[in-house]
Amino acid sequence: MTLHDIPLRTLTGEPTSLADYSGKVVLLVNVASKCGLTPQYAGLVKLQNEYADRGFTVLGVPCNQFAGQEPGSAEEIQTFCSTTYGVSFPLLEKTEVNGDGRHPLYVELARLADADGEAGDIQWNFEKFLISPAGEPVARLRPRVEPESPELVTAIESLLPA
């Protein structure tokens, strides 16, 4: 099984999978509306706007596992994201990223090590996974890595066509 084969659901409950993004570079981020890192949405929107026409998308995954910082309904999450930050990139349904209820997507992603060689549990909201156009996870960036950091921008650009 590849990441493309794992069933997912959109924020509105429609079936989807990473196969729908085949051929694109995907930045998958577990997000939350009431977190100290929530302003990272602004940088994610900038990345989406800058690179979407080159085959890139951000994919937001709301998660309420970290101090209950994503308590809202799907409608509340969508409204917050669009009105507060102008989010136009796709959002998935609220998902568990750690523990016994960990979604199969995050079972796979948690195996990927970060730049320090650390794999395992998702540390907090806004942990980022860069996925190649072939659907392979290629980079894991911890929550405090800003979306516009040179480290992330360079990694994205290395996967995009010129």
N, C-alpha and C. Protein backbone atom coordinates (compact mmCIF):
# COMPACT_ATOMS: atom_id res chain seq x y z
N MET A 1 0.84 -1.19 0.00
CA MET A 1 0.00 0.00 0.00
C MET A 1 0.88 1.25 0.00
N THR A 2 0.50 2.22 -0.83
CA THR A 2 1.21 3.50 -0.85
C THR A 2 0.32 4.56 -0.20
N LEU A 3 0.88 5.74 0.02
CA LEU A 3 0.07 6.83 0.57
C LEU A 3 -1.13 7.12 -0.32
N HIS A 4 -0.96 6.96 -1.63
CA HIS A 4 -2.05 7.23 -2.57
C HIS A 4 -3.24 6.31 -2.34
N ASP A 5 -3.03 5.13 -1.77
CA ASP A 5 -4.09 4.14 -1.60
C ASP A 5 -4.91 4.32 -0.33
N ILE A 6 -4.49 5.16 0.56
CA ILE A 6 -5.15 5.30 1.86
C ILE A 6 -6.40 6.18 1.70
N PRO A 7 -7.56 5.64 2.06
CA PRO A 7 -8.79 6.43 1.94
C PRO A 7 -8.81 7.59 2.92
N LEU A 8 -9.23 8.74 2.42
CA LEU A 8 -9.36 9.95 3.22
C LEU A 8 -10.74 10.54 2.98
N ARG A 9 -11.10 11.55 3.76
CA ARG A 9 -12.35 12.28 3.56
C ARG A 9 -12.05 13.77 3.62
N THR A 10 -12.72 14.51 2.76
CA THR A 10 -12.60 15.97 2.79
C THR A 10 -13.30 16.51 4.03
N LEU A 11 -13.10 17.76 4.30
CA LEU A 11 -13.75 18.39 5.45
C LEU A 11 -15.27 18.29 5.35
N THR A 12 -15.79 18.24 4.13
CA THR A 12 -17.24 18.13 3.93
C THR A 12 -17.71 16.68 3.88
N GLY A 13 -16.79 15.73 4.10
CA GLY A 13 -17.17 14.32 4.19
C GLY A 13 -17.11 13.53 2.91
N GLU A 14 -16.63 14.15 1.83
CA GLU A 14 -16.54 13.45 0.55
C GLU A 14 -15.30 12.55 0.54
N PRO A 15 -15.41 11.35 -0.07
CA PRO A 15 -14.24 10.48 -0.17
C PRO A 15 -13.17 11.11 -1.07
N THR A 16 -11.93 10.91 -0.67
CA THR A 16 -10.79 11.38 -1.45
C THR A 16 -9.60 10.52 -1.08
N SER A 17 -8.47 10.79 -1.67
CA SER A 17 -7.21 10.15 -1.29
C SER A 17 -6.09 11.00 -1.86
N LEU A 18 -4.88 10.69 -1.48
CA LEU A 18 -3.74 11.42 -2.03
C LEU A 18 -3.57 11.12 -3.52
N ALA A 19 -4.18 10.04 -4.02
CA ALA A 19 -4.15 9.76 -5.45
C ALA A 19 -4.77 10.92 -6.24
N ASP A 20 -5.71 11.64 -5.62
CA ASP A 20 -6.31 12.81 -6.28
C ASP A 20 -5.29 13.91 -6.52
N TYR A 21 -4.15 13.83 -5.85
CA TYR A 21 -3.09 14.84 -5.98
C TYR A 21 -1.86 14.25 -6.67
N SER A 22 -2.02 13.09 -7.29
CA SER A 22 -0.92 12.45 -8.00
C SER A 22 -0.33 13.42 -9.02
N GLY A 23 0.99 13.47 -9.05
CA GLY A 23 1.67 14.39 -9.95
C GLY A 23 1.91 15.76 -9.35
N LYS A 24 1.39 15.99 -8.15
CA LYS A 24 1.59 17.28 -7.46
C LYS A 24 2.50 17.08 -6.25
N VAL A 25 3.18 18.15 -5.90
CA VAL A 25 3.90 18.19 -4.63
C VAL A 25 2.87 18.60 -3.59
N VAL A 26 2.77 17.84 -2.51
CA VAL A 26 1.79 18.11 -1.46
C VAL A 26 2.52 18.41 -0.16
N LEU A 27 2.10 19.49 0.49
CA LEU A 27 2.56 19.79 1.85
C LEU A 27 1.38 19.50 2.76
N LEU A 28 1.46 18.38 3.47
CA LEU A 28 0.40 17.93 4.35
C LEU A 28 0.69 18.46 5.76
N VAL A 29 -0.27 19.16 6.35
CA VAL A 29 -0.05 19.83 7.63
C VAL A 29 -1.23 19.57 8.56
N ASN A 30 -0.97 19.06 9.77
CA ASN A 30 -2.06 18.96 10.74
C ASN A 30 -2.26 20.34 11.35
N VAL A 31 -3.47 20.85 11.24
CA VAL A 31 -3.76 22.24 11.58
C VAL A 31 -4.74 22.35 12.74
N ALA A 32 -4.78 23.53 13.35
CA ALA A 32 -5.72 23.82 14.44
C ALA A 32 -6.00 25.31 14.46
N SER A 33 -7.23 25.64 14.82
CA SER A 33 -7.70 27.03 14.78
C SER A 33 -7.40 27.84 16.04
N LYS A 34 -7.09 27.17 17.14
CA LYS A 34 -6.93 27.87 18.41
C LYS A 34 -5.57 27.58 19.04
N CYS A 35 -4.54 27.60 18.23
CA CYS A 35 -3.19 27.25 18.65
C CYS A 35 -2.29 28.47 18.52
N GLY A 36 -1.26 28.53 19.32
CA GLY A 36 -0.29 29.62 19.18
C GLY A 36 0.39 29.63 17.82
N LEU A 37 0.38 28.49 17.13
CA LEU A 37 0.98 28.39 15.81
C LEU A 37 -0.03 28.64 14.68
N THR A 38 -1.28 28.88 15.01
CA THR A 38 -2.32 29.10 14.00
C THR A 38 -1.94 30.18 12.99
N PRO A 39 -1.23 31.25 13.37
CA PRO A 39 -0.84 32.23 12.35
C PRO A 39 -0.01 31.65 11.20
N GLN A 40 0.48 30.41 11.35
CA GLN A 40 1.18 29.77 10.23
C GLN A 40 0.26 29.58 9.02
N TYR A 41 -1.05 29.62 9.24
CA TYR A 41 -1.99 29.55 8.11
C TYR A 41 -1.62 30.62 7.07
N ALA A 42 -1.24 31.80 7.51
CA ALA A 42 -0.90 32.88 6.56
C ALA A 42 0.25 32.46 5.65
N GLY A 43 1.27 31.85 6.19
CA GLY A 43 2.39 31.38 5.39
C GLY A 43 2.00 30.22 4.48
N LEU A 44 1.11 29.35 4.96
CA LEU A 44 0.65 28.24 4.12
C LEU A 44 -0.14 28.77 2.93
N VAL A 45 -0.95 29.80 3.16
CA VAL A 45 -1.71 30.43 2.07
C VAL A 45 -0.74 31.04 1.05
N LYS A 46 0.32 31.69 1.55
CA LYS A 46 1.31 32.28 0.63
C LYS A 46 1.98 31.20 -0.21
N LEU A 47 2.35 30.08 0.40
CA LEU A 47 2.94 28.99 -0.36
C LEU A 47 1.97 28.49 -1.44
N GLN A 48 0.73 28.30 -1.04
CA GLN A 48 -0.29 27.83 -1.99
C GLN A 48 -0.41 28.79 -3.16
N ASN A 49 -0.49 30.08 -2.86
CA ASN A 49 -0.65 31.08 -3.92
C ASN A 49 0.58 31.15 -4.82
N GLU A 50 1.76 30.99 -4.23
CA GLU A 50 2.99 31.12 -5.01
C GLU A 50 3.27 29.93 -5.91
N TYR A 51 2.94 28.71 -5.45
CA TYR A 51 3.37 27.52 -6.16
C TYR A 51 2.25 26.68 -6.78
N ALA A 52 1.00 27.03 -6.56
CA ALA A 52 -0.11 26.20 -7.07
C ALA A 52 -0.04 26.00 -8.58
N ASP A 53 0.34 27.03 -9.31
CA ASP A 53 0.37 26.91 -10.77
C ASP A 53 1.54 26.07 -11.27
N ARG A 54 2.43 25.66 -10.36
CA ARG A 54 3.56 24.80 -10.74
C ARG A 54 3.35 23.35 -10.27
N GLY A 55 2.14 23.03 -9.79
CA GLY A 55 1.87 21.66 -9.39
C GLY A 55 2.08 21.41 -7.91
N PHE A 56 1.69 22.35 -7.08
CA PHE A 56 1.86 22.25 -5.63
C PHE A 56 0.53 22.50 -4.95
N THR A 57 0.30 21.82 -3.84
CA THR A 57 -0.84 22.16 -2.99
C THR A 57 -0.51 21.90 -1.52
N VAL A 58 -1.07 22.74 -0.69
CA VAL A 58 -1.10 22.49 0.74
C VAL A 58 -2.35 21.65 0.98
N LEU A 59 -2.29 20.73 1.90
CA LEU A 59 -3.44 19.93 2.29
C LEU A 59 -3.51 19.99 3.81
N GLY A 60 -4.53 20.67 4.33
CA GLY A 60 -4.69 20.84 5.77
C GLY A 60 -5.48 19.69 6.39
N VAL A 61 -5.00 19.23 7.55
CA VAL A 61 -5.64 18.13 8.26
C VAL A 61 -5.96 18.60 9.68
N PRO A 62 -7.19 19.09 9.90
CA PRO A 62 -7.55 19.53 11.25
C PRO A 62 -7.40 18.39 12.27
N CYS A 63 -6.88 18.74 13.43
CA CYS A 63 -6.66 17.75 14.49
C CYS A 63 -6.95 18.40 15.84
N ASN A 64 -7.71 17.70 16.67
CA ASN A 64 -8.07 18.22 17.99
C ASN A 64 -7.34 17.49 19.11
N GLN A 65 -6.25 16.80 18.81
CA GLN A 65 -5.55 16.00 19.82
C GLN A 65 -4.58 16.78 20.69
N PHE A 66 -4.28 18.00 20.35
CA PHE A 66 -3.29 18.76 21.10
C PHE A 66 -3.99 19.88 21.86
N ALA A 67 -4.26 19.62 23.14
CA ALA A 67 -4.89 20.58 24.04
C ALA A 67 -6.25 21.07 23.53
N GLY A 68 -6.94 20.25 22.75
CA GLY A 68 -8.28 20.59 22.27
C GLY A 68 -8.32 21.86 21.45
N GLN A 69 -7.28 22.09 20.63
CA GLN A 69 -7.16 23.36 19.93
C GLN A 69 -7.87 23.41 18.57
N GLU A 70 -8.61 22.34 18.23
CA GLU A 70 -9.45 22.36 17.03
C GLU A 70 -10.80 21.76 17.40
N PRO A 71 -11.57 22.47 18.26
CA PRO A 71 -12.81 21.90 18.78
C PRO A 71 -14.02 22.03 17.85
N GLY A 72 -13.94 22.84 16.82
CA GLY A 72 -15.11 23.17 16.03
C GLY A 72 -15.61 22.07 15.11
N SER A 73 -16.81 22.31 14.60
CA SER A 73 -17.40 21.44 13.58
C SER A 73 -16.71 21.71 12.25
N ALA A 74 -16.99 20.87 11.27
CA ALA A 74 -16.42 21.07 9.94
C ALA A 74 -16.78 22.45 9.40
N GLU A 75 -18.02 22.86 9.60
CA GLU A 75 -18.45 24.17 9.11
C GLU A 75 -17.71 25.30 9.82
N GLU A 76 -17.53 25.16 11.13
CA GLU A 76 -16.82 26.19 11.88
C GLU A 76 -15.36 26.27 11.45
N ILE A 77 -14.74 25.13 11.22
CA ILE A 77 -13.34 25.11 10.77
C ILE A 77 -13.23 25.80 9.41
N GLN A 78 -14.11 25.43 8.47
CA GLN A 78 -14.07 26.02 7.13
C GLN A 78 -14.27 27.53 7.19
N THR A 79 -15.24 27.97 7.97
CA THR A 79 -15.52 29.41 8.09
C THR A 79 -14.32 30.13 8.68
N PHE A 80 -13.75 29.60 9.75
CA PHE A 80 -12.59 30.23 10.37
C PHE A 80 -11.45 30.35 9.37
N CYS A 81 -11.14 29.25 8.70
CA CYS A 81 -10.00 29.24 7.78
C CYS A 81 -10.18 30.20 6.61
N SER A 82 -11.37 30.22 6.05
CA SER A 82 -11.58 31.08 4.88
C SER A 82 -11.71 32.55 5.25
N THR A 83 -12.41 32.85 6.34
CA THR A 83 -12.61 34.27 6.68
C THR A 83 -11.41 34.88 7.40
N THR A 84 -10.70 34.11 8.22
CA THR A 84 -9.58 34.65 8.98
C THR A 84 -8.29 34.69 8.16
N TYR A 85 -8.06 33.65 7.36
CA TYR A 85 -6.78 33.55 6.65
C TYR A 85 -6.91 33.45 5.13
N GLY A 86 -8.13 33.40 4.62
CA GLY A 86 -8.30 33.29 3.17
C GLY A 86 -7.84 31.95 2.63
N VAL A 87 -7.99 30.89 3.43
CA VAL A 87 -7.56 29.56 3.01
C VAL A 87 -8.41 29.09 1.83
N SER A 88 -7.71 28.71 0.76
CA SER A 88 -8.40 28.15 -0.40
C SER A 88 -7.88 26.74 -0.70
N PHE A 89 -6.83 26.31 0.00
CA PHE A 89 -6.33 24.96 -0.22
C PHE A 89 -7.27 23.94 0.44
N PRO A 90 -7.21 22.69 -0.01
CA PRO A 90 -8.12 21.68 0.52
C PRO A 90 -7.86 21.36 1.99
N LEU A 91 -8.96 21.04 2.67
CA LEU A 91 -8.91 20.61 4.06
C LEU A 91 -9.57 19.23 4.16
N LEU A 92 -8.97 18.37 4.96
CA LEU A 92 -9.54 17.06 5.21
C LEU A 92 -10.38 17.09 6.47
N GLU A 93 -11.10 16.00 6.72
CA GLU A 93 -11.89 15.92 7.95
C GLU A 93 -10.97 15.89 9.16
N LYS A 94 -11.51 16.23 10.32
CA LYS A 94 -10.74 16.19 11.56
C LYS A 94 -10.22 14.78 11.75
N THR A 95 -8.92 14.67 12.07
CA THR A 95 -8.23 13.39 12.05
C THR A 95 -7.36 13.23 13.29
N GLU A 96 -7.28 11.99 13.78
CA GLU A 96 -6.34 11.68 14.86
C GLU A 96 -5.00 11.33 14.25
N VAL A 97 -3.95 11.97 14.74
CA VAL A 97 -2.60 11.78 14.19
C VAL A 97 -1.70 10.95 15.11
N ASN A 98 -2.13 10.72 16.33
CA ASN A 98 -1.38 9.94 17.31
C ASN A 98 -2.32 8.98 18.04
N GLY A 99 -1.74 8.03 18.75
CA GLY A 99 -2.52 7.17 19.63
C GLY A 99 -3.19 6.00 18.93
N ASP A 100 -4.05 5.32 19.68
CA ASP A 100 -4.72 4.12 19.18
C ASP A 100 -5.61 4.41 17.98
N GLY A 101 -6.17 5.62 17.91
CA GLY A 101 -7.05 5.98 16.81
C GLY A 101 -6.33 6.67 15.66
N ARG A 102 -5.00 6.59 15.63
CA ARG A 102 -4.21 7.25 14.60
C ARG A 102 -4.69 6.80 13.22
N HIS A 103 -4.93 7.77 12.37
CA HIS A 103 -5.37 7.48 11.00
C HIS A 103 -4.26 6.73 10.27
N PRO A 104 -4.62 5.78 9.38
CA PRO A 104 -3.60 5.03 8.64
C PRO A 104 -2.60 5.92 7.89
N LEU A 105 -3.03 7.08 7.42
CA LEU A 105 -2.10 8.00 6.75
C LEU A 105 -0.99 8.39 7.71
N TYR A 106 -1.36 8.70 8.95
CA TYR A 106 -0.35 9.13 9.92
C TYR A 106 0.44 7.96 10.49
N VAL A 107 -0.10 6.74 10.41
CA VAL A 107 0.70 5.57 10.76
C VAL A 107 1.92 5.53 9.84
N GLU A 108 1.68 5.75 8.55
CA GLU A 108 2.77 5.74 7.58
C GLU A 108 3.69 6.96 7.75
N LEU A 109 3.10 8.14 7.87
CA LEU A 109 3.90 9.36 7.96
C LEU A 109 4.77 9.39 9.21
N ALA A 110 4.29 8.83 10.30
CA ALA A 110 5.05 8.85 11.56
C ALA A 110 6.36 8.07 11.45
N ARG A 111 6.47 7.23 10.45
CA ARG A 111 7.70 6.46 10.24
C ARG A 111 8.82 7.31 9.66
N LEU A 112 8.47 8.43 9.05
CA LEU A 112 9.46 9.30 8.42
C LEU A 112 10.21 10.11 9.48
N ALA A 113 11.51 10.12 9.38
CA ALA A 113 12.33 10.88 10.33
C ALA A 113 12.44 12.33 9.88
N ASP A 114 12.61 13.20 10.85
CA ASP A 114 12.85 14.62 10.57
C ASP A 114 14.34 14.84 10.29
N ALA A 115 14.75 16.09 10.17
CA ALA A 115 16.15 16.41 9.86
C ALA A 115 17.12 15.93 10.94
N ASP A 116 16.63 15.74 12.16
CA ASP A 116 17.48 15.26 13.24
C ASP A 116 17.45 13.74 13.38
N GLY A 117 16.76 13.06 12.46
CA GLY A 117 16.68 11.61 12.50
C GLY A 117 15.61 11.06 13.42
N GLU A 118 14.73 11.95 13.91
CA GLU A 118 13.67 11.54 14.83
C GLU A 118 12.39 11.21 14.08
N ALA A 119 11.86 10.01 14.28
CA ALA A 119 10.58 9.61 13.73
C ALA A 119 9.59 9.48 14.90
N GLY A 120 8.41 8.95 14.65
CA GLY A 120 7.46 8.70 15.73
C GLY A 120 6.33 9.71 15.77
N ASP A 121 5.76 9.83 16.95
CA ASP A 121 4.55 10.64 17.13
C ASP A 121 4.69 12.05 16.58
N ILE A 122 3.56 12.58 16.16
CA ILE A 122 3.46 13.97 15.75
C ILE A 122 3.61 14.80 17.02
N GLN A 123 4.45 15.82 16.99
CA GLN A 123 4.76 16.57 18.22
C GLN A 123 3.66 17.55 18.62
N TRP A 124 3.05 18.21 17.65
CA TRP A 124 2.08 19.26 17.95
C TRP A 124 1.39 19.65 16.66
N ASN A 125 0.49 20.62 16.75
CA ASN A 125 -0.16 21.16 15.57
C ASN A 125 0.88 21.77 14.63
N PHE A 126 0.59 21.74 13.35
CA PHE A 126 1.40 22.34 12.29
C PHE A 126 2.70 21.59 12.02
N GLU A 127 2.71 20.28 12.30
CA GLU A 127 3.80 19.44 11.82
C GLU A 127 3.56 19.23 10.32
N LYS A 128 4.64 19.28 9.53
CA LYS A 128 4.51 19.31 8.08
C LYS A 128 5.21 18.11 7.45
N PHE A 129 4.54 17.55 6.42
CA PHE A 129 5.11 16.46 5.64
C PHE A 129 5.08 16.86 4.18
N LEU A 130 6.22 16.79 3.54
CA LEU A 130 6.31 17.10 2.12
C LEU A 130 6.26 15.78 1.36
N ILE A 131 5.34 15.71 0.40
CA ILE A 131 5.10 14.48 -0.35
C ILE A 131 5.38 14.74 -1.82
N SER A 132 6.16 13.86 -2.41
CA SER A 132 6.58 14.02 -3.81
C SER A 132 5.40 13.80 -4.76
N PRO A 133 5.56 14.21 -6.03
CA PRO A 133 4.51 13.96 -7.02
C PRO A 133 4.17 12.47 -7.18
N ALA A 134 5.10 11.59 -6.83
CA ALA A 134 4.86 10.14 -6.90
C ALA A 134 4.16 9.61 -5.66
N GLY A 135 3.92 10.49 -4.68
CA GLY A 135 3.23 10.07 -3.46
C GLY A 135 4.14 9.56 -2.37
N GLU A 136 5.42 9.84 -2.46
CA GLU A 136 6.38 9.40 -1.45
C GLU A 136 6.64 10.52 -0.45
N PRO A 137 6.59 10.24 0.85
CA PRO A 137 6.96 11.27 1.83
C PRO A 137 8.47 11.51 1.76
N VAL A 138 8.87 12.76 1.59
CA VAL A 138 10.29 13.06 1.40
C VAL A 138 10.88 13.96 2.48
N ALA A 139 10.04 14.64 3.23
CA ALA A 139 10.59 15.51 4.29
C ALA A 139 9.54 15.67 5.39
N ARG A 140 10.04 15.74 6.61
CA ARG A 140 9.20 15.98 7.78
C ARG A 140 9.75 17.20 8.48
N LEU A 141 8.90 18.18 8.67
CA LEU A 141 9.32 19.42 9.31
C LEU A 141 8.47 19.64 10.55
N ARG A 142 9.11 19.88 11.64
CA ARG A 142 8.43 20.00 12.92
C ARG A 142 7.59 21.28 13.00
N PRO A 143 6.70 21.35 13.99
CA PRO A 143 5.73 22.45 14.05
C PRO A 143 6.31 23.86 14.03
N ARG A 144 7.44 24.07 14.62
CA ARG A 144 7.97 25.44 14.69
C ARG A 144 8.68 25.88 13.41
N VAL A 145 8.83 24.98 12.45
CA VAL A 145 9.39 25.38 11.16
C VAL A 145 8.31 26.17 10.42
N GLU A 146 8.59 27.44 10.19
CA GLU A 146 7.63 28.32 9.54
C GLU A 146 7.44 27.92 8.07
N PRO A 147 6.22 28.08 7.55
CA PRO A 147 5.97 27.73 6.15
C PRO A 147 6.90 28.43 5.16
N GLU A 148 7.30 29.63 5.47
CA GLU A 148 8.15 30.38 4.54
C GLU A 148 9.64 30.26 4.85
N SER A 149 10.00 29.30 5.70
CA SER A 149 11.41 29.11 6.04
C SER A 149 12.19 28.66 4.81
N PRO A 150 13.45 29.09 4.70
CA PRO A 150 14.28 28.65 3.57
C PRO A 150 14.34 27.13 3.44
N GLU A 151 14.38 26.44 4.57
CA GLU A 151 14.45 24.98 4.59
C GLU A 151 13.26 24.37 3.85
N LEU A 152 12.07 24.86 4.13
CA LEU A 152 10.86 24.32 3.50
C LEU A 152 10.73 24.78 2.06
N VAL A 153 10.95 26.05 1.81
CA VAL A 153 10.83 26.58 0.45
C VAL A 153 11.80 25.88 -0.50
N THR A 154 13.03 25.67 -0.06
CA THR A 154 14.02 24.97 -0.88
C THR A 154 13.57 23.54 -1.17
N ALA A 155 13.04 22.86 -0.17
CA ALA A 155 12.57 21.49 -0.36
C ALA A 155 11.41 21.43 -1.36
N ILE A 156 10.48 22.37 -1.25
CA ILE A 156 9.35 22.43 -2.20
C ILE A 156 9.88 22.68 -3.61
N GLU A 157 10.71 23.69 -3.75
CA GLU A 157 11.21 24.04 -5.08
C GLU A 157 12.01 22.92 -5.71
N SER A 158 12.69 22.12 -4.91
CA SER A 158 13.48 21.01 -5.46
C SER A 158 12.61 19.93 -6.08
N LEU A 159 11.34 19.88 -5.70
CA LEU A 159 10.42 18.85 -6.22
C LEU A 159 9.56 19.35 -7.38
N LEU A 160 9.53 20.67 -7.57
CA LEU A 160 8.67 21.25 -8.62
C LEU A 160 9.39 21.33 -9.95
N PRO A 161 8.61 21.25 -11.05
CA PRO A 161 9.24 21.46 -12.35
C PRO A 161 9.71 22.92 -12.47
N ALA A 162 10.73 23.14 -13.27
CA ALA A 162 11.29 24.50 -13.43
C ALA A 162 10.30 25.43 -14.10
